[in-house]
């Protein structure tokens, strides 16, 4: 992607993130890696819904500014992902309410409740808390980036990435949509997971269709534990402390909180 196209697409995605309340104020950040290795990124301390193309920052592959525009202070998160995943060309970080609710509750999004999510995204693990804009955050993310296409960061938010900016945004949108459905299903008495046989079929379909490759089999997600699927190294996926299954996770709400949540869902027109 050329620089001018990247600038234009970042503005479009930033507006969508703001319009859908995935970010407020100066929250979140977006970046695109250009064909020559330079990175176009959202600037620090600017609302994603009010950016202009000339406000965006450009850095070299190591994050060194190449213009007078300062990139987001969380650019290190993007650089880590680009380093660990050479095929990734765009990163979207935001604080979508339902996905972030999982992150605040200390829960990953890893239950096999939607076939489309298994096909196109896979599980979303929870990285341990690290102070934003520091090495603590990137080090907490590092073990999870290689085999996942989106992450939750404890008490922080979510990040998704892909081969272009629209795939990164679509994965962020899928993460938020899944979190919303998971929360609503729990309010209705709990979700019913897909059986292991169905999960195996979906994994075979996604690899045949090219949605996700075999590298995704190494996901440390709960829904692979009951299947016969193994990762390319021949090892079974293993749980990690940074990625705790949400099987026994519970959400408690007062009656007033439940009414408020359902009222917001109805008013948004998305329920």
C-alpha atoms as a PDB file:
ATOM      1  CA  UNK A   1       0.000   0.000   0.000  1.00  0.00           C
ATOM      2  CA  UNK A   2       1.264   3.486  -0.834  1.00  0.00           C
ATOM      3  CA  UNK A   3       1.412   6.259   1.778  1.00  0.00           C
ATOM      4  CA  UNK A   4      -1.489   8.336   0.469  1.00  0.00           C
ATOM      5  CA  UNK A   5      -3.823   5.346   0.372  1.00  0.00           C
ATOM      6  CA  UNK A   6      -2.733   4.360   3.877  1.00  0.00           C
ATOM      7  CA  UNK A   7      -3.484   7.850   5.186  1.00  0.00           C
ATOM      8  CA  UNK A   8      -6.932   7.813   3.606  1.00  0.00           C
ATOM      9  CA  UNK A   9      -7.811   4.344   4.936  1.00  0.00           C
ATOM     10  CA  UNK A  10      -6.587   5.117   8.464  1.00  0.00           C
ATOM     11  CA  UNK A  11      -8.905   8.133   8.572  1.00  0.00           C
ATOM     12  CA  UNK A  12     -11.844   5.984   7.457  1.00  0.00           C
ATOM     13  CA  UNK A  13     -11.144   3.287  10.038  1.00  0.00           C
ATOM     14  CA  UNK A  14     -10.578   5.858  12.798  1.00  0.00           C
ATOM     15  CA  UNK A  15     -13.977   7.389  12.034  1.00  0.00           C
ATOM     16  CA  UNK A  16     -15.662   3.970  12.149  1.00  0.00           C
ATOM     17  CA  UNK A  17     -14.010   3.143  15.474  1.00  0.00           C
ATOM     18  CA  UNK A  18     -15.213   6.437  16.934  1.00  0.00           C
ATOM     19  CA  UNK A  19     -18.729   6.194  15.478  1.00  0.00           C
ATOM     20  CA  UNK A  20     -19.165   2.695  16.923  1.00  0.00           C
ATOM     21  CA  UNK A  21     -17.859   3.744  20.348  1.00  0.00           C
ATOM     22  CA  UNK A  22     -14.853   1.475  20.129  1.00  0.00           C
ATOM     23  CA  UNK A  23     -12.879   4.558  21.219  1.00  0.00           C
ATOM     24  CA  UNK A  24     -13.674   7.863  22.890  1.00  0.00           C
ATOM     25  CA  UNK A  25     -11.650  11.035  23.319  1.00  0.00           C
ATOM     26  CA  UNK A  26      -8.063  10.282  22.265  1.00  0.00           C
ATOM     27  CA  UNK A  27      -8.284   6.533  22.965  1.00  0.00           C
ATOM     28  CA  UNK A  28      -6.900   3.897  20.641  1.00  0.00           C
ATOM     29  CA  UNK A  29      -4.483   3.896  17.742  1.00  0.00           C
ATOM     30  CA  UNK A  30      -4.169   2.545  14.209  1.00  0.00           C
ATOM     31  CA  UNK A  31      -1.156   1.909  12.007  1.00  0.00           C
ATOM     32  CA  UNK A  32      -0.310   0.602   8.545  1.00  0.00           C
ATOM     33  CA  UNK A  33       3.037  -0.801   7.443  1.00  0.00           C
ATOM     34  CA  UNK A  34       3.911   0.430   3.952  1.00  0.00           C
ATOM     35  CA  UNK A  35       5.580  -1.633   1.247  1.00  0.00           C
ATOM     36  CA  UNK A  36       8.920   0.062   1.976  1.00  0.00           C
ATOM     37  CA  UNK A  37       8.747  -0.751   5.703  1.00  0.00           C
ATOM     38  CA  UNK A  38       7.766   2.709   6.921  1.00  0.00           C
ATOM     39  CA  UNK A  39       4.809   2.945   9.286  1.00  0.00           C
ATOM     40  CA  UNK A  40       1.931   5.420   9.050  1.00  0.00           C
ATOM     41  CA  UNK A  41       0.297   5.796  12.459  1.00  0.00           C
ATOM     42  CA  UNK A  42      -2.314   7.818  14.263  1.00  0.00           C
ATOM     43  CA  UNK A  43      -0.861  10.756  16.204  1.00  0.00           C
ATOM     44  CA  UNK A  44      -0.699  11.044  19.951  1.00  0.00           C
ATOM     45  CA  UNK A  45      -3.521  12.729  21.863  1.00  0.00           C
ATOM     46  CA  UNK A  46      -5.981  13.110  18.990  1.00  0.00           C
ATOM     47  CA  UNK A  47      -9.575  11.898  18.696  1.00  0.00           C
ATOM     48  CA  UNK A  48      -9.854   9.174  16.052  1.00  0.00           C
ATOM     49  CA  UNK A  49     -13.089  10.694  14.823  1.00  0.00           C
ATOM     50  CA  UNK A  50     -11.532  14.098  14.159  1.00  0.00           C
ATOM     51  CA  UNK A  51      -8.243  13.215  12.482  1.00  0.00           C
ATOM     52  CA  UNK A  52      -7.092  14.596   9.168  1.00  0.00           C
ATOM     53  CA  UNK A  53      -4.729  12.934   6.722  1.00  0.00           C
ATOM     54  CA  UNK A  54      -1.999  15.511   7.294  1.00  0.00           C
ATOM     55  CA  UNK A  55      -2.118  14.904  11.067  1.00  0.00           C
ATOM     56  CA  UNK A  56      -0.864  11.324  10.776  1.00  0.00           C
ATOM     57  CA  UNK A  57       2.675  10.410  11.771  1.00  0.00           C
ATOM     58  CA  UNK A  58       5.236   8.477   9.731  1.00  0.00           C
ATOM     59  CA  UNK A  59       8.077   6.490  11.302  1.00  0.00           C
ATOM     60  CA  UNK A  60      10.751   4.111  10.126  1.00  0.00           C
ATOM     61  CA  UNK A  61      10.459   0.389  10.852  1.00  0.00           C
ATOM     62  CA  UNK A  62      11.911   0.936  14.326  1.00  0.00           C
ATOM     63  CA  UNK A  63       9.444   3.658  15.264  1.00  0.00           C
ATOM     64  CA  UNK A  64      11.762   6.628  14.730  1.00  0.00           C
ATOM     65  CA  UNK A  65       9.704   9.648  13.575  1.00  0.00           C
ATOM     66  CA  UNK A  66      10.328  10.762  10.005  1.00  0.00           C
ATOM     67  CA  UNK A  67       8.108  13.855  10.204  1.00  0.00           C
ATOM     68  CA  UNK A  68       7.300  16.453  12.850  1.00  0.00           C
ATOM     69  CA  UNK A  69       4.129  14.533  13.820  1.00  0.00           C
ATOM     70  CA  UNK A  70       4.384  12.460  16.987  1.00  0.00           C
ATOM     71  CA  UNK A  71       2.976   8.904  16.699  1.00  0.00           C
ATOM     72  CA  UNK A  72       0.883   7.318  19.421  1.00  0.00           C
ATOM     73  CA  UNK A  73       2.773   6.581  22.616  1.00  0.00           C
ATOM     74  CA  UNK A  74       1.597   2.969  22.216  1.00  0.00           C
ATOM     75  CA  UNK A  75       3.351   2.468  18.892  1.00  0.00           C
ATOM     76  CA  UNK A  76       5.609  -0.103  20.584  1.00  0.00           C
ATOM     77  CA  UNK A  77       2.622  -2.448  20.671  1.00  0.00           C
ATOM     78  CA  UNK A  78       2.332  -2.160  16.897  1.00  0.00           C
ATOM     79  CA  UNK A  79       6.076  -2.630  16.390  1.00  0.00           C
ATOM     80  CA  UNK A  80       5.988  -5.835  18.445  1.00  0.00           C
ATOM     81  CA  UNK A  81       3.199  -7.251  16.285  1.00  0.00           C
ATOM     82  CA  UNK A  82       4.975  -6.292  13.053  1.00  0.00           C
ATOM     83  CA  UNK A  83       8.162  -7.899  14.343  1.00  0.00           C
ATOM     84  CA  UNK A  84       6.492 -11.142  15.427  1.00  0.00           C
ATOM     85  CA  UNK A  85       4.205 -11.369  12.386  1.00  0.00           C
ATOM     86  CA  UNK A  86       5.965 -10.333   9.142  1.00  0.00           C
ATOM     87  CA  UNK A  87       2.776 -10.869   7.119  1.00  0.00           C
ATOM     88  CA  UNK A  88       0.808  -8.334   9.195  1.00  0.00           C
ATOM     89  CA  UNK A  89       0.430  -4.957   7.519  1.00  0.00           C
ATOM     90  CA  UNK A  90      -2.031  -3.152   9.824  1.00  0.00           C
ATOM     91  CA  UNK A  91      -2.931  -2.941  13.519  1.00  0.00           C
ATOM     92  CA  UNK A  92      -6.056  -1.564  15.246  1.00  0.00           C
ATOM     93  CA  UNK A  93      -6.084  -0.967  19.007  1.00  0.00           C
ATOM     94  CA  UNK A  94      -9.255   0.202  20.743  1.00  0.00           C
ATOM     95  CA  UNK A  95     -11.388  -0.090  23.858  1.00  0.00           C
ATOM     96  CA  UNK A  96     -14.655  -1.608  22.552  1.00  0.00           C
ATOM     97  CA  UNK A  97     -17.023  -1.777  25.555  1.00  0.00           C
ATOM     98  CA  UNK A  98     -18.016  -5.444  25.531  1.00  0.00           C
ATOM     99  CA  UNK A  99     -14.607  -6.786  24.601  1.00  0.00           C
ATOM    100  CA  UNK A 100     -12.986  -4.536  27.174  1.00  0.00           C
ATOM    101  CA  UNK A 101     -15.502  -5.757  29.761  1.00  0.00           C
ATOM    102  CA  UNK A 102     -14.016  -9.236  29.283  1.00  0.00           C
ATOM    103  CA  UNK A 103     -10.524  -7.766  29.685  1.00  0.00           C
ATOM    104  CA  UNK A 104     -11.534  -5.951  32.882  1.00  0.00           C
ATOM    105  CA  UNK A 105     -13.186  -9.101  34.230  1.00  0.00           C
ATOM    106  CA  UNK A 106      -9.991 -11.057  33.543  1.00  0.00           C
ATOM    107  CA  UNK A 107     -11.600 -13.320  30.951  1.00  0.00           C
ATOM    108  CA  UNK A 108     -10.488 -14.327  27.451  1.00  0.00           C
ATOM    109  CA  UNK A 109     -12.985 -14.748  24.618  1.00  0.00           C
ATOM    110  CA  UNK A 110     -12.299 -18.416  24.028  1.00  0.00           C
ATOM    111  CA  UNK A 111     -15.546 -20.349  24.135  1.00  0.00           C
ATOM    112  CA  UNK A 112     -16.729 -22.057  20.916  1.00  0.00           C
ATOM    113  CA  UNK A 113     -20.173 -20.492  20.676  1.00  0.00           C
ATOM    114  CA  UNK A 114     -20.125 -19.112  17.111  1.00  0.00           C
ATOM    115  CA  UNK A 115     -18.996 -21.049  14.057  1.00  0.00           C
ATOM    116  CA  UNK A 116     -18.134 -17.867  12.134  1.00  0.00           C
ATOM    117  CA  UNK A 117     -15.711 -16.798  14.846  1.00  0.00           C
ATOM    118  CA  UNK A 118     -13.902 -20.133  14.844  1.00  0.00           C
ATOM    119  CA  UNK A 119     -13.637 -19.872  11.057  1.00  0.00           C
ATOM    120  CA  UNK A 120     -12.336 -16.329  10.739  1.00  0.00           C
ATOM    121  CA  UNK A 121     -10.816 -15.233  14.041  1.00  0.00           C
ATOM    122  CA  UNK A 122     -10.114 -18.061  16.436  1.00  0.00           C
ATOM    123  CA  UNK A 123      -9.967 -17.529  20.164  1.00  0.00           C
ATOM    124  CA  UNK A 124      -8.942 -14.222  21.699  1.00  0.00           C
ATOM    125  CA  UNK A 125      -6.597 -14.728  24.669  1.00  0.00           C
ATOM    126  CA  UNK A 126      -6.061 -12.402  27.596  1.00  0.00           C
ATOM    127  CA  UNK A 127      -2.595 -10.934  28.064  1.00  0.00           C
ATOM    128  CA  UNK A 128      -1.624 -10.114  31.631  1.00  0.00           C
ATOM    129  CA  UNK A 129      -1.746  -6.484  32.682  1.00  0.00           C
ATOM    130  CA  UNK A 130       1.137  -4.264  31.695  1.00  0.00           C
ATOM    131  CA  UNK A 131       1.413  -0.497  32.016  1.00  0.00           C
ATOM    132  CA  UNK A 132       0.417   1.062  28.669  1.00  0.00           C
ATOM    133  CA  UNK A 133       3.243   2.588  26.614  1.00  0.00           C
ATOM    134  CA  UNK A 134       5.879   0.530  28.483  1.00  0.00           C
ATOM    135  CA  UNK A 135       7.778  -2.705  27.949  1.00  0.00           C
ATOM    136  CA  UNK A 136       5.499  -4.317  30.534  1.00  0.00           C
ATOM    137  CA  UNK A 137       2.641  -4.306  28.037  1.00  0.00           C
ATOM    138  CA  UNK A 138       4.597  -5.582  25.057  1.00  0.00           C
ATOM    139  CA  UNK A 139       6.258  -8.345  27.082  1.00  0.00           C
ATOM    140  CA  UNK A 140       2.855  -9.521  28.322  1.00  0.00           C
ATOM    141  CA  UNK A 141       1.637  -9.657  24.714  1.00  0.00           C
ATOM    142  CA  UNK A 142       4.703 -11.285  23.188  1.00  0.00           C
ATOM    143  CA  UNK A 143       3.913 -14.972  23.957  1.00  0.00           C
ATOM    144  CA  UNK A 144       0.444 -14.652  22.403  1.00  0.00           C
ATOM    145  CA  UNK A 145       0.939 -12.597  19.244  1.00  0.00           C
ATOM    146  CA  UNK A 146       2.329 -15.308  16.978  1.00  0.00           C
ATOM    147  CA  UNK A 147      -0.657 -17.679  17.042  1.00  0.00           C
ATOM    148  CA  UNK A 148      -3.555 -15.257  17.521  1.00  0.00           C
ATOM    149  CA  UNK A 149      -5.063 -12.529  15.359  1.00  0.00           C
ATOM    150  CA  UNK A 150      -6.518 -10.478  18.190  1.00  0.00           C
ATOM    151  CA  UNK A 151      -5.753 -10.074  21.883  1.00  0.00           C
ATOM    152  CA  UNK A 152      -7.361  -8.694  24.993  1.00  0.00           C
ATOM    153  CA  UNK A 153      -5.114  -6.796  27.391  1.00  0.00           C
ATOM    154  CA  UNK A 154      -6.100  -7.042  31.036  1.00  0.00           C
ATOM    155  CA  UNK A 155      -7.695  -3.838  32.359  1.00  0.00           C
ATOM    156  CA  UNK A 156      -6.880  -2.075  29.114  1.00  0.00           C
ATOM    157  CA  UNK A 157      -8.576  -2.995  25.847  1.00  0.00           C
ATOM    158  CA  UNK A 158      -8.217  -4.988  22.644  1.00  0.00           C
ATOM    159  CA  UNK A 159      -5.938  -5.131  19.628  1.00  0.00           C
ATOM    160  CA  UNK A 160      -6.457  -6.844  16.276  1.00  0.00           C
ATOM    161  CA  UNK A 161      -4.232  -7.081  13.233  1.00  0.00           C
ATOM    162  CA  UNK A 162      -4.225  -8.437   9.693  1.00  0.00           C
ATOM    163  CA  UNK A 163      -2.858  -8.419   6.175  1.00  0.00           C
ATOM    164  CA  UNK A 164      -4.470  -5.029   5.529  1.00  0.00           C
ATOM    165  CA  UNK A 165      -6.268  -2.372   7.517  1.00  0.00           C
ATOM    166  CA  UNK A 166      -9.734  -3.708   6.728  1.00  0.00           C
ATOM    167  CA  UNK A 167      -8.911  -7.216   7.869  1.00  0.00           C
ATOM    168  CA  UNK A 168      -7.531  -5.753  11.110  1.00  0.00           C
ATOM    169  CA  UNK A 169     -10.694  -3.693  11.612  1.00  0.00           C
ATOM    170  CA  UNK A 170     -12.973  -6.626  10.724  1.00  0.00           C
ATOM    171  CA  UNK A 171     -11.242  -8.746  13.347  1.00  0.00           C
ATOM    172  CA  UNK A 172     -11.689  -6.010  15.948  1.00  0.00           C
ATOM    173  CA  UNK A 173     -15.365  -5.758  15.001  1.00  0.00           C
ATOM    174  CA  UNK A 174     -15.787  -9.541  15.243  1.00  0.00           C
ATOM    175  CA  UNK A 175     -14.148  -9.532  18.672  1.00  0.00           C
ATOM    176  CA  UNK A 176     -16.578  -6.899  19.955  1.00  0.00           C
ATOM    177  CA  UNK A 177     -19.629  -8.554  18.379  1.00  0.00           C
ATOM    178  CA  UNK A 178     -18.687 -11.913  19.905  1.00  0.00           C
ATOM    179  CA  UNK A 179     -18.148 -10.392  23.341  1.00  0.00           C
ATOM    180  CA  UNK A 180     -21.563  -8.736  23.177  1.00  0.00           C
ATOM    181  CA  UNK A 181     -23.288 -11.991  22.220  1.00  0.00           C
ATOM    182  CA  UNK A 182     -21.416 -13.880  24.952  1.00  0.00           C
ATOM    183  CA  UNK A 183     -22.537 -11.406  27.612  1.00  0.00           C
ATOM    184  CA  UNK A 184     -26.166 -11.416  26.447  1.00  0.00           C
ATOM    185  CA  UNK A 185     -26.235 -15.217  26.262  1.00  0.00           C
ATOM    186  CA  UNK A 186     -25.055 -15.428  29.858  1.00  0.00           C
ATOM    187  CA  UNK A 187     -27.870 -13.138  30.893  1.00  0.00           C
ATOM    188  CA  UNK A 188     -30.271 -15.597  29.249  1.00  0.00           C
ATOM    189  CA  UNK A 189     -28.903 -18.509  31.246  1.00  0.00           C
ATOM    190  CA  UNK A 190     -25.617 -19.334  29.545  1.00  0.00           C
ATOM    191  CA  UNK A 191     -24.326 -20.267  26.111  1.00  0.00           C
ATOM    192  CA  UNK A 192     -24.067 -23.796  24.700  1.00  0.00           C
ATOM    193  CA  UNK A 193     -20.688 -24.611  23.202  1.00  0.00           C
ATOM    194  CA  UNK A 194     -20.262 -26.359  19.874  1.00  0.00           C
ATOM    195  CA  UNK A 195     -19.242 -30.029  20.201  1.00  0.00           C
ATOM    196  CA  UNK A 196     -15.659 -31.109  19.534  1.00  0.00           C
ATOM    197  CA  UNK A 197     -16.598 -32.809  16.256  1.00  0.00           C
ATOM    198  CA  UNK A 198     -18.088 -29.583  14.917  1.00  0.00           C
ATOM    199  CA  UNK A 199     -15.030 -27.587  15.966  1.00  0.00           C
ATOM    200  CA  UNK A 200     -12.705 -29.984  14.143  1.00  0.00           C
ATOM    201  CA  UNK A 201     -14.778 -29.649  10.961  1.00  0.00           C
ATOM    202  CA  UNK A 202     -14.669 -25.860  11.219  1.00  0.00           C
ATOM    203  CA  UNK A 203     -10.896 -25.860  11.687  1.00  0.00           C
ATOM    204  CA  UNK A 204     -10.534 -28.033   8.581  1.00  0.00           C
ATOM    205  CA  UNK A 205     -12.801 -25.685   6.624  1.00  0.00           C
ATOM    206  CA  UNK A 206     -10.934 -22.554   7.691  1.00  0.00           C
ATOM    207  CA  UNK A 207      -7.592 -24.039   6.656  1.00  0.00           C
ATOM    208  CA  UNK A 208      -8.945 -25.254   3.309  1.00  0.00           C
ATOM    209  CA  UNK A 209     -10.491 -21.855   2.636  1.00  0.00           C
ATOM    210  CA  UNK A 210      -7.358 -20.004   3.743  1.00  0.00           C
ATOM    211  CA  UNK A 211      -9.044 -18.072   6.569  1.00  0.00           C
ATOM    212  CA  UNK A 212      -6.413 -19.231   9.066  1.00  0.00           C
ATOM    213  CA  UNK A 213      -3.431 -21.514   8.504  1.00  0.00           C
ATOM    214  CA  UNK A 214      -2.104 -24.381  10.605  1.00  0.00           C
ATOM    215  CA  UNK A 215      -0.198 -21.954  12.804  1.00  0.00           C
ATOM    216  CA  UNK A 216      -3.509 -21.080  14.450  1.00  0.00           C
ATOM    217  CA  UNK A 217      -3.751 -24.643  15.761  1.00  0.00           C
ATOM    218  CA  UNK A 218      -1.226 -23.676  18.424  1.00  0.00           C
ATOM    219  CA  UNK A 219      -3.759 -21.344  20.010  1.00  0.00           C
ATOM    220  CA  UNK A 220      -3.859 -21.888  23.772  1.00  0.00           C
ATOM    221  CA  UNK A 221      -7.636 -21.833  23.682  1.00  0.00           C
ATOM    222  CA  UNK A 222     -10.080 -23.906  25.655  1.00  0.00           C
ATOM    223  CA  UNK A 223     -12.063 -25.084  22.654  1.00  0.00           C
ATOM    224  CA  UNK A 224      -9.156 -27.043  21.172  1.00  0.00           C
ATOM    225  CA  UNK A 225      -8.590 -29.074  24.318  1.00  0.00           C
ATOM    226  CA  UNK A 226     -11.530 -31.369  23.638  1.00  0.00           C
ATOM    227  CA  UNK A 227     -10.713 -32.007  19.966  1.00  0.00           C
ATOM    228  CA  UNK A 228      -8.221 -34.252  18.207  1.00  0.00           C
ATOM    229  CA  UNK A 229      -6.622 -31.277  16.488  1.00  0.00           C
ATOM    230  CA  UNK A 230      -2.907 -30.844  17.139  1.00  0.00           C
ATOM    231  CA  UNK A 231      -0.600 -27.983  16.284  1.00  0.00           C
ATOM    232  CA  UNK A 232       2.077 -28.405  13.552  1.00  0.00           C
ATOM    233  CA  UNK A 233       4.702 -29.310  16.166  1.00  0.00           C
ATOM    234  CA  UNK A 234       2.619 -32.287  17.255  1.00  0.00           C
ATOM    235  CA  UNK A 235       1.955 -30.822  20.687  1.00  0.00           C
ATOM    236  CA  UNK A 236      -1.443 -30.350  22.265  1.00  0.00           C
ATOM    237  CA  UNK A 237      -2.349 -26.753  23.051  1.00  0.00           C
ATOM    238  CA  UNK A 238      -1.609 -25.848  26.660  1.00  0.00           C
ATOM    239  CA  UNK A 239      -3.253 -23.376  28.988  1.00  0.00           C
ATOM    240  CA  UNK A 240      -1.112 -20.502  30.219  1.00  0.00           C
ATOM    241  CA  UNK A 241      -1.486 -18.192  33.152  1.00  0.00           C
ATOM    242  CA  UNK A 242      -1.864 -15.300  30.742  1.00  0.00           C
ATOM    243  CA  UNK A 243      -4.755 -17.102  29.088  1.00  0.00           C
ATOM    244  CA  UNK A 244      -7.190 -18.565  31.562  1.00  0.00           C
ATOM    245  CA  UNK A 245     -10.256 -20.386  30.264  1.00  0.00           C
ATOM    246  CA  UNK A 246     -13.533 -18.629  30.948  1.00  0.00           C
ATOM    247  CA  UNK A 247     -15.524 -21.871  31.276  1.00  0.00           C
ATOM    248  CA  UNK A 248     -16.248 -21.242  34.937  1.00  0.00           C
ATOM    249  CA  UNK A 249     -16.314 -17.467  34.695  1.00  0.00           C
ATOM    250  CA  UNK A 250     -19.434 -15.843  36.098  1.00  0.00           C
ATOM    251  CA  UNK A 251     -20.886 -12.394  35.677  1.00  0.00           C
ATOM    252  CA  UNK A 252     -23.113 -11.038  38.422  1.00  0.00           C
ATOM    253  CA  UNK A 253     -25.461  -8.114  37.833  1.00  0.00           C
ATOM    254  CA  UNK A 254     -28.036  -6.376  39.982  1.00  0.00           C
ATOM    255  CA  UNK A 255     -31.569  -6.110  38.596  1.00  0.00           C
ATOM    256  CA  UNK A 256     -31.032  -2.424  37.826  1.00  0.00           C
ATOM    257  CA  UNK A 257     -27.781  -3.160  36.012  1.00  0.00           C
ATOM    258  CA  UNK A 258     -29.467  -5.883  33.958  1.00  0.00           C
ATOM    259  CA  UNK A 259     -32.340  -3.576  33.003  1.00  0.00           C
ATOM    260  CA  UNK A 260     -29.890  -0.831  32.032  1.00  0.00           C
ATOM    261  CA  UNK A 261     -27.792  -3.185  29.891  1.00  0.00           C
ATOM    262  CA  UNK A 262     -30.826  -4.568  28.066  1.00  0.00           C
ATOM    263  CA  UNK A 263     -32.248  -1.059  27.592  1.00  0.00           C
ATOM    264  CA  UNK A 264     -28.996   0.087  25.988  1.00  0.00           C
ATOM    265  CA  UNK A 265     -29.012  -2.947  23.709  1.00  0.00           C
ATOM    266  CA  UNK A 266     -32.583  -2.231  22.588  1.00  0.00           C
ATOM    267  CA  UNK A 267     -31.885   1.487  22.062  1.00  0.00           C
ATOM    268  CA  UNK A 268     -28.822   0.733  19.954  1.00  0.00           C
ATOM    269  CA  UNK A 269     -30.975  -1.285  17.596  1.00  0.00           C
ATOM    270  CA  UNK A 270     -28.519  -4.143  17.569  1.00  0.00           C
ATOM    271  CA  UNK A 271     -30.233  -6.611  19.832  1.00  0.00           C
END
